[in-house]
Amino acid sequence: MRTIRPSALMAELKACALSNTPAMIWGPPGSGKSDIVYQLSTALAAKLFEVRANLADPVDVRGGLKVIEQQNGTFRTRYGVPEDYPDPDYLGNIILFLDELPNATKATMNAYLQLILNKRMGTYELPEQTIIIAAGNRAEDRAAVHEMPTTVKTRFNHFTLEPHIDCFCAYAVKNDIHESIISFLRFRPGLLYALDPKQNASPTPRGWEMLSRKLPFMEDEYYGCASVIGDGPAGEFITFKSLYKDLPDLDQLIKSPATTKVPDSPSVLYAICGGLSVRANKDTFKPIMRYVRRIPPEFQVIVVRDCLAKDATLVQEEAYTSWAEANAEVLL
């Protein structure tokens, strides 16, 4: 199956929500499947109910049994509603997220059939405005998955997620990922995702975000990085970070965009691009763009793209519109 970028997947998931059709996201570990579902819940103002399908037995899907005495003295068994499911009378938008579905047994996956197709399980009914999304790894990811039964497959729209550098950087600048990581991955995009199942630690979007949170607290930089992204990528990243001593003062650059020196080194330029995009706002965008016009076109595009990912309203600024008119051929 053809892969899809995170940004395109978000659009497809919104279409599935509007058309009331369930979606299944496939992808390798750490590629951001769950994060996209969380972002979708925010975009749709939907309450997220997350179910770990791999932890459920078939009977858990329907709920526990209770014996109820009837008025005539006879007894009947009734199923209770699992606490992971929304109340039937909930009025807001809902996402029911079946995470790690392929890691569940085939019997458990089959148990979800009625819920996925008809939004009901026995006498329990999901609220009408419920969106059902599932996610999980593929067999080639060596993640102990089970073959999904055909009857389950046919209930879903299927998407195979592929990490993409532009989508990650757009996410990173809006979520306080450290600028050195954004700059490095622009310089070495192949290390955004390079999972090696034989190694305990490899670079993934999830790993880079973890490393960003860890950077301020590390005592040993090499071991701190290698424990998250692996030995080789850690060495490259640390070497790249050492270039930061050669960077101009970026705050001073914004104050003096016409006179600050433009470096010749591509790696230093990548570092500057990352630092400027993090600092972009309505007050700084004009001087940033004045400096950007002095650097090579391929780096200009990187800065502009990441600035707009951080704040889409910057597209209305004259500094952007004049640049876009002068660089229309680059944007095609």
C-alpha atoms as a PDB file:
ATOM      1  CA  MET A   1       0.000   0.000   0.000  1.00  0.00           C
ATOM      2  CA  ARG A   2       1.219   3.483  -0.859  1.00  0.00           C
ATOM      3  CA  THR A   3       2.419   5.473   2.149  1.00  0.00           C
ATOM      4  CA  ILE A   4       0.977   8.789   3.278  1.00  0.00           C
ATOM      5  CA  ARG A   5       2.529  11.834   4.967  1.00  0.00           C
ATOM      6  CA  PRO A   6       1.252  12.941   8.387  1.00  0.00           C
ATOM      7  CA  SER A   7      -0.241  16.167   6.987  1.00  0.00           C
ATOM      8  CA  ALA A   8      -2.115  14.291   4.251  1.00  0.00           C
ATOM      9  CA  LEU A   9      -3.228  11.651   6.748  1.00  0.00           C
ATOM     10  CA  MET A  10      -4.785  14.334   8.941  1.00  0.00           C
ATOM     11  CA  ALA A  11      -6.883  15.496   5.980  1.00  0.00           C
ATOM     12  CA  GLU A  12      -7.943  11.922   5.225  1.00  0.00           C
ATOM     13  CA  LEU A  13      -8.925  11.267   8.833  1.00  0.00           C
ATOM     14  CA  LYS A  14     -11.106  14.374   8.808  1.00  0.00           C
ATOM     15  CA  ALA A  15     -12.806  13.047   5.664  1.00  0.00           C
ATOM     16  CA  CYS A  16     -13.388   9.715   7.393  1.00  0.00           C
ATOM     17  CA  ALA A  17     -14.895  11.537  10.353  1.00  0.00           C
ATOM     18  CA  LEU A  18     -17.251  13.563   8.167  1.00  0.00           C
ATOM     19  CA  SER A  19     -18.310  10.466   6.206  1.00  0.00           C
ATOM     20  CA  ASN A  20     -18.708   8.329   9.347  1.00  0.00           C
ATOM     21  CA  THR A  21     -16.287   5.652   8.121  1.00  0.00           C
ATOM     22  CA  PRO A  22     -13.709   3.974  10.416  1.00  0.00           C
ATOM     23  CA  ALA A  23      -9.990   4.407   9.717  1.00  0.00           C
ATOM     24  CA  MET A  24      -7.011   2.123  10.356  1.00  0.00           C
ATOM     25  CA  ILE A  25      -3.518   3.661  10.579  1.00  0.00           C
ATOM     26  CA  TRP A  26      -0.621   1.305   9.897  1.00  0.00           C
ATOM     27  CA  GLY A  27       2.997   2.201  10.522  1.00  0.00           C
ATOM     28  CA  PRO A  28       6.254   1.313  12.262  1.00  0.00           C
ATOM     29  CA  PRO A  29       6.849   1.946  15.977  1.00  0.00           C
ATOM     30  CA  GLY A  30       7.549   5.554  16.929  1.00  0.00           C
ATOM     31  CA  SER A  31       6.271   7.013  13.653  1.00  0.00           C
ATOM     32  CA  GLY A  32       3.609   9.182  15.284  1.00  0.00           C
ATOM     33  CA  LYS A  33       0.396   7.223  14.725  1.00  0.00           C
ATOM     34  CA  SER A  34      -1.052   7.920  18.169  1.00  0.00           C
ATOM     35  CA  ASP A  35       0.082  11.557  18.136  1.00  0.00           C
ATOM     36  CA  ILE A  36      -1.874  12.190  14.937  1.00  0.00           C
ATOM     37  CA  VAL A  37      -5.040  10.801  16.529  1.00  0.00           C
ATOM     38  CA  TYR A  38      -4.495  13.086  19.550  1.00  0.00           C
ATOM     39  CA  GLN A  39      -3.997  16.049  17.197  1.00  0.00           C
ATOM     40  CA  LEU A  40      -7.194  15.105  15.349  1.00  0.00           C
ATOM     41  CA  SER A  41      -9.162  15.075  18.602  1.00  0.00           C
ATOM     42  CA  THR A  42      -7.950  18.619  19.278  1.00  0.00           C
ATOM     43  CA  ALA A  43      -8.747  19.782  15.735  1.00  0.00           C
ATOM     44  CA  LEU A  44     -12.275  18.348  15.913  1.00  0.00           C
ATOM     45  CA  ALA A  45     -12.854  19.316  19.561  1.00  0.00           C
ATOM     46  CA  ALA A  46     -13.571  15.631  20.187  1.00  0.00           C
ATOM     47  CA  LYS A  47     -13.218  13.762  23.474  1.00  0.00           C
ATOM     48  CA  LEU A  48     -10.779  10.882  23.043  1.00  0.00           C
ATOM     49  CA  PHE A  49     -11.533   7.443  24.462  1.00  0.00           C
ATOM     50  CA  GLU A  50      -8.443   5.254  24.074  1.00  0.00           C
ATOM     51  CA  VAL A  51      -8.707   1.456  24.204  1.00  0.00           C
ATOM     52  CA  ARG A  52      -5.586  -0.725  24.227  1.00  0.00           C
ATOM     53  CA  ALA A  53      -6.871  -3.559  22.088  1.00  0.00           C
ATOM     54  CA  ASN A  54      -3.822  -5.726  22.728  1.00  0.00           C
ATOM     55  CA  LEU A  55      -4.726  -5.904  26.437  1.00  0.00           C
ATOM     56  CA  ALA A  56      -8.314  -7.040  25.844  1.00  0.00           C
ATOM     57  CA  ASP A  57      -9.787 -10.529  25.749  1.00  0.00           C
ATOM     58  CA  PRO A  58     -12.882 -11.105  23.583  1.00  0.00           C
ATOM     59  CA  VAL A  59     -15.133 -10.961  26.652  1.00  0.00           C
ATOM     60  CA  ASP A  60     -13.572  -7.589  27.615  1.00  0.00           C
ATOM     61  CA  VAL A  61     -14.731  -6.111  24.303  1.00  0.00           C
ATOM     62  CA  ARG A  62     -18.364  -6.693  25.187  1.00  0.00           C
ATOM     63  CA  GLY A  63     -18.070  -6.147  28.931  1.00  0.00           C
ATOM     64  CA  GLY A  64     -18.377  -8.258  32.053  1.00  0.00           C
ATOM     65  CA  LEU A  65     -21.433 -10.386  32.803  1.00  0.00           C
ATOM     66  CA  LYS A  66     -23.858  -9.679  35.620  1.00  0.00           C
ATOM     67  CA  VAL A  67     -26.708 -11.911  36.817  1.00  0.00           C
ATOM     68  CA  ILE A  68     -29.913  -9.902  37.230  1.00  0.00           C
ATOM     69  CA  GLU A  69     -32.993 -11.192  39.085  1.00  0.00           C
ATOM     70  CA  GLN A  70     -36.247 -10.494  37.238  1.00  0.00           C
ATOM     71  CA  GLN A  71     -39.548  -9.509  38.829  1.00  0.00           C
ATOM     72  CA  ASN A  72     -40.917 -12.991  38.205  1.00  0.00           C
ATOM     73  CA  GLY A  73     -38.077 -14.550  40.185  1.00  0.00           C
ATOM     74  CA  THR A  74     -36.098 -15.763  37.187  1.00  0.00           C
ATOM     75  CA  PHE A  75     -32.533 -14.683  36.410  1.00  0.00           C
ATOM     76  CA  ARG A  76     -30.894 -13.258  33.290  1.00  0.00           C
ATOM     77  CA  THR A  77     -27.317 -12.388  32.462  1.00  0.00           C
ATOM     78  CA  ARG A  78     -26.514  -8.920  31.190  1.00  0.00           C
ATOM     79  CA  TYR A  79     -23.329  -7.392  29.869  1.00  0.00           C
ATOM     80  CA  GLY A  80     -21.836  -4.398  31.604  1.00  0.00           C
ATOM     81  CA  VAL A  81     -20.397  -1.501  29.571  1.00  0.00           C
ATOM     82  CA  PRO A  82     -16.561  -1.360  29.634  1.00  0.00           C
ATOM     83  CA  GLU A  83     -15.382   1.833  31.328  1.00  0.00           C
ATOM     84  CA  ASP A  84     -13.198   2.641  28.300  1.00  0.00           C
ATOM     85  CA  TYR A  85     -16.317   3.252  26.182  1.00  0.00           C
ATOM     86  CA  PRO A  86     -18.203   6.577  26.162  1.00  0.00           C
ATOM     87  CA  ASP A  87     -21.597   6.899  27.823  1.00  0.00           C
ATOM     88  CA  PRO A  88     -24.342   6.382  25.215  1.00  0.00           C
ATOM     89  CA  ASP A  89     -25.901   9.762  26.028  1.00  0.00           C
ATOM     90  CA  TYR A  90     -22.669  11.791  25.634  1.00  0.00           C
ATOM     91  CA  LEU A  91     -23.503  14.739  23.344  1.00  0.00           C
ATOM     92  CA  GLY A  92     -20.102  15.999  22.154  1.00  0.00           C
ATOM     93  CA  ASN A  93     -17.818  14.758  19.374  1.00  0.00           C
ATOM     94  CA  ILE A  94     -16.041  11.522  20.267  1.00  0.00           C
ATOM     95  CA  ILE A  95     -13.074   9.560  18.963  1.00  0.00           C
ATOM     96  CA  LEU A  96     -12.963   5.904  20.001  1.00  0.00           C
ATOM     97  CA  PHE A  97      -9.308   5.005  19.459  1.00  0.00           C
ATOM     98  CA  LEU A  98      -8.497   1.291  19.226  1.00  0.00           C
ATOM     99  CA  ASP A  99      -4.732   1.398  19.622  1.00  0.00           C
ATOM    100  CA  GLU A 100      -2.438  -1.586  18.964  1.00  0.00           C
ATOM    101  CA  LEU A 101      -5.287  -3.439  17.244  1.00  0.00           C
ATOM    102  CA  PRO A 102      -3.055  -5.819  15.229  1.00  0.00           C
ATOM    103  CA  ASN A 103      -1.345  -6.878  18.474  1.00  0.00           C
ATOM    104  CA  ALA A 104      -4.657  -8.223  19.762  1.00  0.00           C
ATOM    105  CA  THR A 105      -5.551 -11.863  19.163  1.00  0.00           C
ATOM    106  CA  LYS A 106      -7.670 -12.690  16.134  1.00  0.00           C
ATOM    107  CA  ALA A 107     -10.522 -13.582  18.471  1.00  0.00           C
ATOM    108  CA  THR A 108     -10.341 -10.130  20.060  1.00  0.00           C
ATOM    109  CA  MET A 109     -10.185  -8.391  16.680  1.00  0.00           C
ATOM    110  CA  ASN A 110     -13.248 -10.344  15.574  1.00  0.00           C
ATOM    111  CA  ALA A 111     -15.013  -9.343  18.775  1.00  0.00           C
ATOM    112  CA  TYR A 112     -14.729  -5.695  17.695  1.00  0.00           C
ATOM    113  CA  LEU A 113     -16.560  -6.349  14.395  1.00  0.00           C
ATOM    114  CA  GLN A 114     -20.022  -5.227  15.445  1.00  0.00           C
ATOM    115  CA  LEU A 115     -18.672  -2.207  17.307  1.00  0.00           C
ATOM    116  CA  ILE A 116     -16.615  -1.061  14.298  1.00  0.00           C
ATOM    117  CA  LEU A 117     -19.335  -1.600  11.694  1.00  0.00           C
ATOM    118  CA  ASN A 118     -22.536  -0.750  13.565  1.00  0.00           C
ATOM    119  CA  LYS A 119     -21.264   1.286  16.543  1.00  0.00           C
ATOM    120  CA  ARG A 120     -22.958  -1.106  18.894  1.00  0.00           C
ATOM    121  CA  MET A 121     -22.171  -4.155  20.979  1.00  0.00           C
ATOM    122  CA  GLY A 122     -25.204  -6.143  22.057  1.00  0.00           C
ATOM    123  CA  THR A 123     -27.571  -3.657  23.710  1.00  0.00           C
ATOM    124  CA  TYR A 124     -24.847  -0.990  24.079  1.00  0.00           C
ATOM    125  CA  GLU A 125     -24.699   1.724  21.404  1.00  0.00           C
ATOM    126  CA  LEU A 126     -21.966   4.276  20.836  1.00  0.00           C
ATOM    127  CA  PRO A 127     -23.143   7.889  20.563  1.00  0.00           C
ATOM    128  CA  GLU A 128     -24.034   8.748  16.980  1.00  0.00           C
ATOM    129  CA  GLN A 129     -21.220  11.301  16.620  1.00  0.00           C
ATOM    130  CA  THR A 130     -18.492   8.753  17.477  1.00  0.00           C
ATOM    131  CA  ILE A 131     -15.507   8.467  15.116  1.00  0.00           C
ATOM    132  CA  ILE A 132     -13.720   5.096  15.214  1.00  0.00           C
ATOM    133  CA  ILE A 133      -9.982   5.055  14.491  1.00  0.00           C
ATOM    134  CA  ALA A 134      -7.594   2.148  14.992  1.00  0.00           C
ATOM    135  CA  ALA A 135      -3.807   1.987  14.740  1.00  0.00           C
ATOM    136  CA  GLY A 136      -1.024  -0.558  14.878  1.00  0.00           C
ATOM    137  CA  ASN A 137       2.186  -1.971  13.494  1.00  0.00           C
ATOM    138  CA  ARG A 138       2.732  -4.152  10.450  1.00  0.00           C
ATOM    139  CA  ALA A 139       4.167  -7.660  10.286  1.00  0.00           C
ATOM    140  CA  GLU A 140       7.421  -6.328   8.774  1.00  0.00           C
ATOM    141  CA  ASP A 141       7.927  -4.115  11.832  1.00  0.00           C
ATOM    142  CA  ARG A 142       8.653  -7.234  13.909  1.00  0.00           C
ATOM    143  CA  ALA A 143       6.236  -6.015  16.573  1.00  0.00           C
ATOM    144  CA  ALA A 144       4.543  -9.330  17.470  1.00  0.00           C
ATOM    145  CA  VAL A 145       1.405  -8.546  15.472  1.00  0.00           C
ATOM    146  CA  HIS A 146      -1.280 -10.945  14.290  1.00  0.00           C
ATOM    147  CA  GLU A 147      -2.759 -11.129  10.797  1.00  0.00           C
ATOM    148  CA  MET A 148      -5.912  -9.037  10.730  1.00  0.00           C
ATOM    149  CA  PRO A 149      -8.936 -11.129   9.687  1.00  0.00           C
ATOM    150  CA  THR A 150     -10.401 -10.124   6.332  1.00  0.00           C
ATOM    151  CA  THR A 151     -13.785  -9.456   7.920  1.00  0.00           C
ATOM    152  CA  VAL A 152     -12.105  -6.854  10.145  1.00  0.00           C
ATOM    153  CA  LYS A 153     -10.006  -5.345   7.342  1.00  0.00           C
ATOM    154  CA  THR A 154     -13.043  -4.624   5.204  1.00  0.00           C
ATOM    155  CA  ARG A 155     -14.527  -2.436   7.953  1.00  0.00           C
ATOM    156  CA  PHE A 156     -11.777   0.187   7.631  1.00  0.00           C
ATOM    157  CA  ASN A 157     -10.216   2.807   5.415  1.00  0.00           C
ATOM    158  CA  HIS A 158      -6.517   1.833   5.503  1.00  0.00           C
ATOM    159  CA  PHE A 159      -3.555   4.237   5.602  1.00  0.00           C
ATOM    160  CA  THR A 160       0.163   3.477   5.936  1.00  0.00           C
ATOM    161  CA  LEU A 161       1.932   6.338   7.686  1.00  0.00           C
ATOM    162  CA  GLU A 162       5.413   7.432   6.662  1.00  0.00           C
ATOM    163  CA  PRO A 163       7.324  10.030   8.713  1.00  0.00           C
ATOM    164  CA  HIS A 164       8.190  13.130   6.677  1.00  0.00           C
ATOM    165  CA  ILE A 165      10.692  15.827   7.510  1.00  0.00           C
ATOM    166  CA  ASP A 166       8.462  18.789   6.591  1.00  0.00           C
ATOM    167  CA  CYS A 167       5.567  17.461   8.666  1.00  0.00           C
ATOM    168  CA  PHE A 168       7.824  16.772  11.645  1.00  0.00           C
ATOM    169  CA  CYS A 169       9.419  20.226  11.532  1.00  0.00           C
ATOM    170  CA  ALA A 170       5.998  21.861  11.240  1.00  0.00           C
ATOM    171  CA  TYR A 171       4.973  19.970  14.368  1.00  0.00           C
ATOM    172  CA  ALA A 172       8.295  20.673  16.085  1.00  0.00           C
ATOM    173  CA  VAL A 173       8.262  24.465  15.771  1.00  0.00           C
ATOM    174  CA  LYS A 174       4.749  24.571  17.270  1.00  0.00           C
ATOM    175  CA  ASN A 175       5.546  22.215  20.143  1.00  0.00           C
ATOM    176  CA  ASP A 176       8.830  23.574  21.503  1.00  0.00           C
ATOM    177  CA  ILE A 177      11.086  20.852  20.105  1.00  0.00           C
ATOM    178  CA  HIS A 178      14.634  22.116  20.670  1.00  0.00           C
ATOM    179  CA  GLU A 179      15.884  24.181  17.732  1.00  0.00           C
ATOM    180  CA  SER A 180      19.117  22.147  17.508  1.00  0.00           C
ATOM    181  CA  ILE A 181      17.049  19.047  16.710  1.00  0.00           C
ATOM    182  CA  ILE A 182      15.004  20.855  14.053  1.00  0.00           C
ATOM    183  CA  SER A 183      18.204  22.211  12.480  1.00  0.00           C
ATOM    184  CA  PHE A 184      19.971  18.846  12.584  1.00  0.00           C
ATOM    185  CA  LEU A 185      17.084  16.974  10.980  1.00  0.00           C
ATOM    186  CA  ARG A 186      16.879  19.555   8.207  1.00  0.00           C
ATOM    187  CA  PHE A 187      20.584  18.832   7.661  1.00  0.00           C
ATOM    188  CA  ARG A 188      20.171  15.019   7.981  1.00  0.00           C
ATOM    189  CA  PRO A 189      16.513  14.233   7.129  1.00  0.00           C
ATOM    190  CA  GLY A 190      17.313  10.550   6.723  1.00  0.00           C
ATOM    191  CA  LEU A 191      17.775  10.331  10.493  1.00  0.00           C
ATOM    192  CA  LEU A 192      14.236  11.458  11.279  1.00  0.00           C
ATOM    193  CA  TYR A 193      13.295   7.786  11.131  1.00  0.00           C
ATOM    194  CA  ALA A 194      15.906   5.062  10.856  1.00  0.00           C
ATOM    195  CA  LEU A 195      14.544   2.282  13.049  1.00  0.00           C
ATOM    196  CA  ASP A 196      16.796  -0.763  13.410  1.00  0.00           C
ATOM    197  CA  PRO A 197      14.835  -3.569  15.131  1.00  0.00           C
ATOM    198  CA  LYS A 198      18.135  -5.177  16.152  1.00  0.00           C
ATOM    199  CA  GLN A 199      19.105  -2.144  18.231  1.00  0.00           C
ATOM    200  CA  ASN A 200      17.537  -1.013  21.487  1.00  0.00           C
ATOM    201  CA  ALA A 201      17.639   2.658  20.493  1.00  0.00           C
ATOM    202  CA  SER A 202      17.136   4.159  17.027  1.00  0.00           C
ATOM    203  CA  PRO A 203      16.052   7.567  15.726  1.00  0.00           C
ATOM    204  CA  THR A 204      12.275   8.000  15.407  1.00  0.00           C
ATOM    205  CA  PRO A 205       9.973  11.032  15.624  1.00  0.00           C
ATOM    206  CA  ARG A 206       8.964   9.837  19.088  1.00  0.00           C
ATOM    207  CA  GLY A 207      12.624   9.496  20.082  1.00  0.00           C
ATOM    208  CA  TRP A 208      13.584  12.979  18.894  1.00  0.00           C
ATOM    209  CA  GLU A 209      10.740  14.482  20.908  1.00  0.00           C
ATOM    210  CA  MET A 210      11.884  12.511  23.972  1.00  0.00           C
ATOM    211  CA  LEU A 211      15.441  13.732  23.437  1.00  0.00           C
ATOM    212  CA  SER A 212      14.262  17.336  23.212  1.00  0.00           C
ATOM    213  CA  ARG A 213      12.677  17.074  26.657  1.00  0.00           C
ATOM    214  CA  LYS A 214      15.820  15.421  28.029  1.00  0.00           C
ATOM    215  CA  LEU A 215      18.469  17.799  26.624  1.00  0.00           C
ATOM    216  CA  PRO A 216      18.404  20.394  29.431  1.00  0.00           C
ATOM    217  CA  PHE A 217      18.952  17.744  32.117  1.00  0.00           C
ATOM    218  CA  MET A 218      21.732  15.568  30.654  1.00  0.00           C
ATOM    219  CA  GLU A 219      25.078  15.341  32.419  1.00  0.00           C
ATOM    220  CA  ASP A 220      26.791  13.111  29.840  1.00  0.00           C
ATOM    221  CA  GLU A 221      25.753  14.351  26.409  1.00  0.00           C
ATOM    222  CA  TYR A 222      26.829  11.275  24.462  1.00  0.00           C
ATOM    223  CA  TYR A 223      25.168   8.662  26.673  1.00  0.00           C
ATOM    224  CA  GLY A 224      22.150  10.873  27.119  1.00  0.00           C
ATOM    225  CA  CYS A 225      21.594  11.085  23.363  1.00  0.00           C
ATOM    226  CA  ALA A 226      22.662   7.543  22.482  1.00  0.00           C
ATOM    227  CA  SER A 227      20.213   6.050  24.958  1.00  0.00           C
ATOM    228  CA  VAL A 228      17.350   7.553  22.931  1.00  0.00           C
ATOM    229  CA  ILE A 229      18.481   7.650  19.273  1.00  0.00           C
ATOM    230  CA  GLY A 230      21.382   5.168  19.132  1.00  0.00           C
ATOM    231  CA  ASP A 231      25.161   5.467  18.989  1.00  0.00           C
ATOM    232  CA  GLY A 232      25.752   6.598  15.391  1.00  0.00           C
ATOM    233  CA  PRO A 233      22.980   9.210  15.202  1.00  0.00           C
ATOM    234  CA  ALA A 234      23.975  10.493  18.654  1.00  0.00           C
ATOM    235  CA  GLY A 235      27.542  11.088  17.457  1.00  0.00           C
ATOM    236  CA  GLU A 236      26.339  12.973  14.379  1.00  0.00           C
ATOM    237  CA  PHE A 237      23.922  15.074  16.385  1.00  0.00           C
ATOM    238  CA  ILE A 238      26.525  16.045  18.992  1.00  0.00           C
ATOM    239  CA  THR A 239      29.001  16.980  16.261  1.00  0.00           C
ATOM    240  CA  PHE A 240      26.331  19.119  14.617  1.00  0.00           C
ATOM    241  CA  LYS A 241      25.494  20.798  17.922  1.00  0.00           C
ATOM    242  CA  SER A 242      29.130  21.873  18.253  1.00  0.00           C
ATOM    243  CA  LEU A 243      28.560  24.099  15.221  1.00  0.00           C
ATOM    244  CA  TYR A 244      26.381  26.306  17.360  1.00  0.00           C
ATOM    245  CA  LYS A 245      29.483  28.045  18.688  1.00  0.00           C
ATOM    246  CA  ASP A 246      30.031  29.346  15.127  1.00  0.00           C
ATOM    247  CA  LEU A 247      26.519  30.753  14.812  1.00  0.00           C
ATOM    248  CA  PRO A 248      25.946  34.473  14.885  1.00  0.00           C
ATOM    249  CA  ASP A 249      23.898  35.714  17.829  1.00  0.00           C
ATOM    250  CA  LEU A 250      20.426  35.125  16.389  1.00  0.00           C
ATOM    251  CA  ASP A 251      18.765  37.807  18.482  1.00  0.00           C
ATOM    252  CA  GLN A 252      21.392  40.274  17.297  1.00  0.00           C
ATOM    253  CA  LEU A 253      20.901  38.981  13.728  1.00  0.00           C
ATOM    254  CA  ILE A 254      17.204  39.875  13.964  1.00  0.00           C
ATOM    255  CA  LYS A 255      18.176  43.373  15.123  1.00  0.00           C
ATOM    256  CA  SER A 256      20.731  43.777  12.293  1.00  0.00           C
ATOM    257  CA  PRO A 257      19.541  41.561   9.415  1.00  0.00           C
ATOM    258  CA  ALA A 258      21.224  43.609   6.688  1.00  0.00           C
ATOM    259  CA  THR A 259      24.723  43.528   8.147  1.00  0.00           C
ATOM    260  CA  THR A 260      25.001  40.159   9.913  1.00  0.00           C
ATOM    261  CA  LYS A 261      27.370  37.906   8.006  1.00  0.00           C
ATOM    262  CA  VAL A 262      25.938  35.013   5.979  1.00  0.00           C
ATOM    263  CA  PRO A 263      28.078  31.900   6.635  1.00  0.00           C
ATOM    264  CA  ASP A 264      29.354  29.703   3.818  1.00  0.00           C
ATOM    265  CA  SER A 265      28.942  26.372   5.607  1.00  0.00           C
ATOM    266  CA  PRO A 266      25.689  24.538   4.716  1.00  0.00           C
ATOM    267  CA  SER A 267      25.540  22.920   8.146  1.00  0.00           C
ATOM    268  CA  VAL A 268      25.768  26.318   9.860  1.00  0.00           C
ATOM    269  CA  LEU A 269      23.074  27.653   7.526  1.00  0.00           C
ATOM    270  CA  TYR A 270      20.799  24.749   8.499  1.00  0.00           C
ATOM    271  CA  ALA A 271      21.397  25.644  12.133  1.00  0.00           C
ATOM    272  CA  ILE A 272      20.515  29.294  11.477  1.00  0.00           C
ATOM    273  CA  CYS A 273      17.339  28.223   9.656  1.00  0.00           C
ATOM    274  CA  GLY A 274      16.192  26.219  12.661  1.00  0.00           C
ATOM    275  CA  GLY A 275      16.969  29.021  15.088  1.00  0.00           C
ATOM    276  CA  LEU A 276      15.167  31.681  13.056  1.00  0.00           C
ATOM    277  CA  SER A 277      12.001  29.635  12.549  1.00  0.00           C
ATOM    278  CA  VAL A 278      11.736  29.059  16.303  1.00  0.00           C
ATOM    279  CA  ARG A 279      11.991  32.830  16.903  1.00  0.00           C
ATOM    280  CA  ALA A 280       9.473  33.822  14.219  1.00  0.00           C
ATOM    281  CA  ASN A 281       6.438  35.887  15.232  1.00  0.00           C
ATOM    282  CA  LYS A 282       4.651  38.994  13.969  1.00  0.00           C
ATOM    283  CA  ASP A 283       7.305  41.276  15.499  1.00  0.00           C
ATOM    284  CA  THR A 284      10.374  39.399  14.265  1.00  0.00           C
ATOM    285  CA  PHE A 285       9.176  38.109  10.893  1.00  0.00           C
ATOM    286  CA  LYS A 286      10.021  41.221   8.884  1.00  0.00           C
ATOM    287  CA  PRO A 287      13.705  41.384   9.941  1.00  0.00           C
ATOM    288  CA  ILE A 288      13.984  37.609   9.669  1.00  0.00           C
ATOM    289  CA  MET A 289      12.779  37.783   6.066  1.00  0.00           C
ATOM    290  CA  ARG A 290      15.193  40.619   5.366  1.00  0.00           C
ATOM    291  CA  TYR A 291      18.060  38.341   6.368  1.00  0.00           C
ATOM    292  CA  VAL A 292      16.507  35.321   4.641  1.00  0.00           C
ATOM    293  CA  ARG A 293      16.583  37.104   1.292  1.00  0.00           C
ATOM    294  CA  ARG A 294      20.392  37.136   1.584  1.00  0.00           C
ATOM    295  CA  ILE A 295      20.834  33.356   1.929  1.00  0.00           C
ATOM    296  CA  PRO A 296      20.655  30.737  -0.875  1.00  0.00           C
ATOM    297  CA  PRO A 297      17.118  30.013  -2.189  1.00  0.00           C
ATOM    298  CA  GLU A 298      16.933  26.431  -0.883  1.00  0.00           C
ATOM    299  CA  PHE A 299      17.519  27.710   2.657  1.00  0.00           C
ATOM    300  CA  GLN A 300      15.038  30.543   2.180  1.00  0.00           C
ATOM    301  CA  VAL A 301      12.320  27.985   1.459  1.00  0.00           C
ATOM    302  CA  ILE A 302      13.161  26.055   4.631  1.00  0.00           C
ATOM    303  CA  VAL A 303      12.886  29.133   6.847  1.00  0.00           C
ATOM    304  CA  VAL A 304       9.670  30.349   5.244  1.00  0.00           C
ATOM    305  CA  ARG A 305       8.016  26.930   5.383  1.00  0.00           C
ATOM    306  CA  ASP A 306       8.882  26.412   9.053  1.00  0.00           C
ATOM    307  CA  CYS A 307       7.880  29.958  10.041  1.00  0.00           C
ATOM    308  CA  LEU A 308       4.451  29.481   8.452  1.00  0.00           C
ATOM    309  CA  ALA A 309       4.099  26.080  10.117  1.00  0.00           C
ATOM    310  CA  LYS A 310       4.617  27.777  13.465  1.00  0.00           C
ATOM    311  CA  ASP A 311       2.239  30.667  12.732  1.00  0.00           C
ATOM    312  CA  ALA A 312       0.050  30.397   9.635  1.00  0.00           C
ATOM    313  CA  THR A 313      -1.082  34.035   9.982  1.00  0.00           C
ATOM    314  CA  LEU A 314       2.395  35.157   8.890  1.00  0.00           C
ATOM    315  CA  VAL A 315       1.271  34.435   5.330  1.00  0.00           C
ATOM    316  CA  GLN A 316      -0.657  37.710   5.548  1.00  0.00           C
ATOM    317  CA  GLU A 317       2.480  39.746   6.305  1.00  0.00           C
ATOM    318  CA  GLU A 318       3.908  41.934   3.555  1.00  0.00           C
ATOM    319  CA  ALA A 319       7.332  40.410   4.205  1.00  0.00           C
ATOM    320  CA  TYR A 320       5.932  37.061   3.053  1.00  0.00           C
ATOM    321  CA  THR A 321       3.807  38.249   0.130  1.00  0.00           C
ATOM    322  CA  SER A 322       6.654  40.232  -1.402  1.00  0.00           C
ATOM    323  CA  TRP A 323       9.012  37.280  -0.980  1.00  0.00           C
ATOM    324  CA  ALA A 324       6.452  34.891  -2.492  1.00  0.00           C
ATOM    325  CA  GLU A 325       5.984  37.129  -5.542  1.00  0.00           C
ATOM    326  CA  ALA A 326       9.738  37.264  -6.088  1.00  0.00           C
ATOM    327  CA  ASN A 327      10.150  33.500  -5.605  1.00  0.00           C
ATOM    328  CA  ALA A 328       7.073  32.109  -7.342  1.00  0.00           C
ATOM    329  CA  GLU A 329       9.183  29.665  -9.362  1.00  0.00           C
ATOM    330  CA  VAL A 330      10.674  28.213  -6.163  1.00  0.00           C
ATOM    331  CA  LEU A 331       7.227  27.623  -4.658  1.00  0.00           C
ATOM    332  CA  LEU A 332       5.884  25.689  -7.673  1.00  0.00           C
END
